[in-house]
Amino acid sequence: MNRTGKYTVVRACNDHGAITLREYPRNGTLYVVEYDDPDVEAELSSLDAGSVVELDLRRAGRRGNAWCAESARPVETA
């Protein structure tokens, strides 16, 4: 399963490389736990809580709400 959309960072990247996101502007929560590329991981780990990012995601294995980030693009919000 793949998805693309805008997400708000709820909790910045932790010591295990996981980041908590909320669908923007809705409220569904998801967790990015894997990255396709070190550049994508660096982009996401540099974001603070409240930042908005557009992501291409795919499900990480069979885990319920865990995702792998394939690409990341910061979004400017007004």
Protein backbone atom coordinates (compact mmCIF):
# COMPACT_ATOMS: atom_id res chain seq x y z
CA MET A 1 0.00 0.00 0.00
CA ASN A 2 1.36 3.41 -1.00
CA ARG A 3 0.18 6.90 -0.15
CA THR A 4 1.18 10.48 -0.88
CA GLY A 5 0.08 13.50 1.10
CA LYS A 6 0.87 16.33 3.47
CA TYR A 7 1.70 15.55 7.07
CA THR A 8 2.40 17.58 10.21
CA VAL A 9 5.30 16.48 12.41
CA VAL A 10 3.88 15.66 15.86
CA ARG A 11 7.07 14.28 17.39
CA ALA A 12 10.44 14.92 15.81
CA CYS A 13 12.72 12.03 14.89
CA ASN A 14 13.72 10.02 17.98
CA ASP A 15 16.93 8.10 18.75
CA HIS A 16 15.56 5.06 16.89
CA GLY A 17 14.90 7.02 13.69
CA ALA A 18 11.10 7.04 14.07
CA ILE A 19 8.99 10.13 13.49
CA THR A 20 5.32 10.64 14.43
CA LEU A 21 3.14 12.40 11.86
CA ARG A 22 -0.46 13.56 11.62
CA GLU A 23 -2.30 13.74 8.31
CA TYR A 24 -2.60 17.39 7.27
CA PRO A 25 -5.13 18.87 7.85
CA ARG A 26 -6.94 15.75 9.17
CA ASN A 27 -5.96 13.98 12.36
CA GLY A 28 -4.92 10.43 11.43
CA THR A 29 -1.59 9.55 13.09
CA LEU A 30 1.14 7.46 11.48
CA TYR A 31 4.74 6.53 12.16
CA VAL A 32 7.67 6.62 9.74
CA VAL A 33 10.13 3.95 10.86
CA GLU A 34 12.11 3.32 7.65
CA TYR A 35 13.63 5.41 4.88
CA ASP A 36 14.44 4.53 1.26
CA ASP A 37 17.42 6.86 1.17
CA PRO A 38 19.76 8.58 3.67
CA ASP A 39 18.82 11.97 2.15
CA VAL A 40 15.14 11.39 2.94
CA GLU A 41 16.05 10.38 6.50
CA ALA A 42 18.22 13.50 6.89
CA GLU A 43 15.41 15.73 5.56
CA LEU A 44 12.86 14.30 7.99
CA SER A 45 15.18 14.18 10.99
CA SER A 46 15.90 17.90 10.56
CA LEU A 47 12.22 18.87 10.97
CA ASP A 48 10.79 20.17 14.22
CA ALA A 49 7.35 19.44 15.66
CA GLY A 50 4.77 21.52 13.80
CA SER A 51 6.57 21.38 10.45
CA VAL A 52 4.53 20.31 7.43
CA VAL A 53 6.02 17.96 4.85
CA GLU A 54 4.74 16.25 1.71
CA LEU A 55 5.69 12.57 1.64
CA ASP A 56 5.53 9.55 -0.59
CA LEU A 57 5.06 6.57 1.73
CA ARG A 58 4.69 2.82 1.51
CA ARG A 59 3.71 0.45 4.27
CA ALA A 60 6.68 -0.93 6.23
CA GLY A 61 6.14 -4.66 6.22
CA ARG A 62 2.93 -5.90 7.79
CA ARG A 63 3.10 -3.58 10.78
CA GLY A 64 -0.16 -1.75 11.43
CA ASN A 65 0.64 1.94 11.15
CA ALA A 66 4.36 1.91 10.32
CA TRP A 67 5.55 3.45 7.06
CA CYS A 68 8.68 3.81 4.93
CA ALA A 69 9.37 7.29 3.53
CA GLU A 70 10.31 7.17 -0.15
CA SER A 71 10.61 10.95 -0.66
CA ALA A 72 10.09 14.13 1.35
CA ARG A 73 9.37 17.73 0.34
CA PRO A 74 8.98 20.52 2.94
CA VAL A 75 5.78 22.54 2.61
CA GLU A 76 5.52 26.23 3.41
CA THR A 77 2.34 27.02 5.33
CA ALA A 78 0.87 30.47 5.68
